Each structure stands twice: as structure tokens, then as C-alpha cells.
N, C-alpha and C. Protein backbone atom coordinates (compact mmCIF):
# COMPACT_ATOMS: atom_id res chain seq x y z
N PRO A 1 38.57 65.77 64.45
CA PRO A 1 39.95 66.22 64.19
C PRO A 1 40.16 67.70 64.53
N GLU A 2 39.17 68.55 64.25
CA GLU A 2 39.32 69.99 64.53
C GLU A 2 39.40 70.25 66.02
N LEU A 3 38.58 69.55 66.80
CA LEU A 3 38.62 69.71 68.25
C LEU A 3 39.98 69.27 68.79
N LEU A 4 40.51 68.18 68.28
CA LEU A 4 41.81 67.71 68.73
C LEU A 4 42.90 68.74 68.46
N GLU A 5 42.82 69.41 67.31
CA GLU A 5 43.80 70.46 67.00
C GLU A 5 43.71 71.60 68.00
N GLN A 6 42.51 71.93 68.44
CA GLN A 6 42.33 73.03 69.38
C GLN A 6 42.83 72.68 70.77
N LEU A 7 43.02 71.39 71.03
CA LEU A 7 43.52 70.96 72.34
C LEU A 7 45.04 70.81 72.34
N GLN A 8 45.67 71.14 71.23
CA GLN A 8 47.12 71.09 71.13
C GLN A 8 47.69 72.47 71.43
N CYS A 9 48.77 72.49 72.17
CA CYS A 9 49.45 73.75 72.45
C CYS A 9 50.12 74.22 71.17
N PRO A 10 49.92 75.48 70.77
CA PRO A 10 50.55 75.98 69.55
C PRO A 10 52.07 76.12 69.67
N LEU A 11 52.61 76.06 70.88
CA LEU A 11 54.06 76.12 71.06
C LEU A 11 54.70 74.74 71.03
N SER A 12 54.17 73.85 71.84
CA SER A 12 54.78 72.52 71.96
C SER A 12 54.18 71.50 71.00
N LEU A 13 52.98 71.79 70.50
CA LEU A 13 52.21 70.89 69.64
C LEU A 13 51.77 69.61 70.36
N ASP A 14 51.93 69.59 71.68
CA ASP A 14 51.45 68.47 72.50
C ASP A 14 50.04 68.81 73.00
N PHE A 15 49.29 67.78 73.39
CA PHE A 15 47.99 68.04 73.99
C PHE A 15 48.19 68.71 75.34
N MET A 16 47.33 69.69 75.61
CA MET A 16 47.48 70.48 76.83
C MET A 16 46.91 69.74 78.04
N LYS A 17 47.75 69.58 79.05
CA LYS A 17 47.33 68.97 80.31
C LYS A 17 47.04 70.05 81.34
N ASP A 18 47.75 71.18 81.24
CA ASP A 18 47.58 72.30 82.16
C ASP A 18 47.45 73.58 81.32
N PRO A 19 46.31 73.74 80.62
CA PRO A 19 46.14 74.89 79.74
C PRO A 19 45.95 76.19 80.51
N VAL A 20 46.66 77.21 80.08
CA VAL A 20 46.54 78.54 80.69
C VAL A 20 46.41 79.59 79.59
N MET A 21 45.76 80.70 79.94
CA MET A 21 45.62 81.81 79.00
C MET A 21 46.63 82.89 79.33
N ALA A 22 47.27 83.38 78.29
CA ALA A 22 48.16 84.53 78.42
C ALA A 22 47.30 85.80 78.37
N ALA A 23 47.90 86.94 78.62
CA ALA A 23 47.18 88.22 78.63
C ALA A 23 46.52 88.50 77.28
N SER A 24 47.03 87.91 76.22
CA SER A 24 46.47 88.10 74.88
C SER A 24 45.17 87.33 74.67
N GLY A 25 44.89 86.37 75.57
CA GLY A 25 43.71 85.53 75.42
C GLY A 25 44.02 84.19 74.77
N GLN A 26 45.22 84.02 74.25
CA GLN A 26 45.64 82.77 73.62
C GLN A 26 45.93 81.73 74.70
N THR A 27 45.58 80.48 74.44
CA THR A 27 45.80 79.39 75.39
C THR A 27 47.03 78.59 75.01
N TYR A 28 47.83 78.26 76.02
CA TYR A 28 49.06 77.49 75.84
C TYR A 28 49.16 76.47 76.97
N GLU A 29 49.99 75.45 76.77
CA GLU A 29 50.36 74.55 77.86
C GLU A 29 51.24 75.36 78.82
N ARG A 30 50.96 75.26 80.09
CA ARG A 30 51.67 76.08 81.08
C ARG A 30 53.19 76.00 80.94
N ALA A 31 53.73 74.80 80.86
CA ALA A 31 55.18 74.64 80.79
C ALA A 31 55.77 75.33 79.56
N ALA A 32 55.06 75.27 78.44
CA ALA A 32 55.57 75.87 77.20
C ALA A 32 55.60 77.40 77.28
N ILE A 33 54.53 78.01 77.76
CA ILE A 33 54.50 79.48 77.83
C ILE A 33 55.41 79.98 78.95
N GLU A 34 55.52 79.22 80.04
CA GLU A 34 56.44 79.63 81.10
C GLU A 34 57.89 79.61 80.60
N LYS A 35 58.23 78.65 79.79
CA LYS A 35 59.57 78.59 79.20
C LYS A 35 59.80 79.81 78.31
N TRP A 36 58.79 80.16 77.50
CA TRP A 36 58.86 81.33 76.62
C TRP A 36 59.11 82.60 77.45
N LEU A 37 58.33 82.75 78.50
CA LEU A 37 58.46 83.94 79.36
C LEU A 37 59.79 83.95 80.11
N ALA A 38 60.27 82.78 80.51
CA ALA A 38 61.55 82.68 81.23
C ALA A 38 62.73 83.12 80.36
N MET A 39 62.55 83.06 79.05
CA MET A 39 63.60 83.51 78.12
C MET A 39 63.59 85.03 77.98
N GLY A 40 62.70 85.69 78.76
CA GLY A 40 62.65 87.15 78.74
C GLY A 40 61.74 87.72 77.67
N LYS A 41 61.00 86.87 77.01
CA LYS A 41 60.09 87.35 75.96
C LYS A 41 58.81 87.86 76.58
N ARG A 42 58.33 88.99 76.13
CA ARG A 42 57.12 89.60 76.67
C ARG A 42 56.09 89.85 75.57
N THR A 43 56.13 88.99 74.55
CA THR A 43 55.16 89.07 73.46
C THR A 43 54.41 87.74 73.38
N ASP A 44 53.24 87.78 72.76
CA ASP A 44 52.50 86.54 72.53
C ASP A 44 53.20 85.79 71.41
N PRO A 45 53.54 84.52 71.62
CA PRO A 45 54.28 83.77 70.60
C PRO A 45 53.54 83.63 69.28
N MET A 46 52.22 83.60 69.31
CA MET A 46 51.46 83.39 68.08
C MET A 46 51.22 84.70 67.32
N SER A 47 50.90 85.76 68.02
CA SER A 47 50.54 87.02 67.35
C SER A 47 51.66 88.04 67.34
N GLY A 48 52.62 87.89 68.23
CA GLY A 48 53.67 88.89 68.35
C GLY A 48 53.24 90.11 69.15
N GLN A 49 52.00 90.09 69.61
CA GLN A 49 51.43 91.20 70.38
C GLN A 49 52.15 91.34 71.72
N GLN A 50 52.45 92.57 72.11
CA GLN A 50 53.06 92.84 73.41
C GLN A 50 52.07 92.44 74.50
N LEU A 51 52.53 91.67 75.49
CA LEU A 51 51.67 91.26 76.59
C LEU A 51 51.60 92.36 77.65
N GLU A 52 50.41 92.66 78.11
CA GLU A 52 50.24 93.69 79.14
C GLU A 52 50.82 93.23 80.47
N HIS A 53 50.80 91.93 80.69
CA HIS A 53 51.36 91.35 81.92
C HIS A 53 51.73 89.90 81.62
N THR A 54 52.40 89.26 82.54
CA THR A 54 52.82 87.87 82.32
C THR A 54 52.09 86.89 83.24
N ASP A 55 51.00 87.35 83.84
CA ASP A 55 50.19 86.45 84.66
C ASP A 55 49.51 85.43 83.75
N LEU A 56 49.43 84.19 84.20
CA LEU A 56 48.78 83.14 83.44
C LEU A 56 47.54 82.68 84.20
N VAL A 57 46.43 82.55 83.47
CA VAL A 57 45.15 82.19 84.07
C VAL A 57 44.75 80.80 83.58
N PRO A 58 44.42 79.88 84.49
CA PRO A 58 43.99 78.55 84.06
C PRO A 58 42.79 78.64 83.11
N ASN A 59 42.82 77.85 82.04
CA ASN A 59 41.72 77.79 81.11
C ASN A 59 40.90 76.53 81.47
N VAL A 60 39.92 76.72 82.31
CA VAL A 60 39.12 75.63 82.86
C VAL A 60 38.33 74.93 81.77
N LEU A 61 37.81 75.69 80.81
CA LEU A 61 37.03 75.09 79.73
C LEU A 61 37.87 74.12 78.91
N VAL A 62 39.04 74.53 78.48
CA VAL A 62 39.91 73.65 77.70
C VAL A 62 40.31 72.44 78.53
N ARG A 63 40.60 72.66 79.78
CA ARG A 63 41.00 71.54 80.66
C ARG A 63 39.88 70.51 80.75
N SER A 64 38.63 70.97 80.82
CA SER A 64 37.50 70.04 80.96
C SER A 64 37.27 69.22 79.69
N LEU A 65 37.74 69.71 78.55
CA LEU A 65 37.57 68.96 77.29
C LEU A 65 38.56 67.84 77.22
């Protein structure tokens, strides 16, 4: 059950099919974080931390799980 929770996007609460890491290091489903960023938000949704950049990096480890 704990592993399954870690595979859920904290924004959409759906299982991540295309997990990406934000500049904060937090992993999100690509579509969910892109929607967040498209609304002009430049903070991490979970921590509120200001993001240094809005580049998203694929999280290969999470994807392989």
C-alpha cells in the first residue's frame, strides 16, 4: 500500500504514467504539473517553495516501478 501511494501524483491523485520531477525534486504526473505551471504558478504545489526554473525532468525510476 505504501508503494502504491508513492506512485500517485500528489496533484491529481492518479497513478503516474509520465512522472516528471520539478526543480524542487518533487515528482508529479506531467499533465498535472504542466497545468499548474500553465496557470502562471511558479511555486512547488506541495511545499510552496519558489521554483528556480520550470523545466521538467522525466523520473525514470518512478516510471520503471
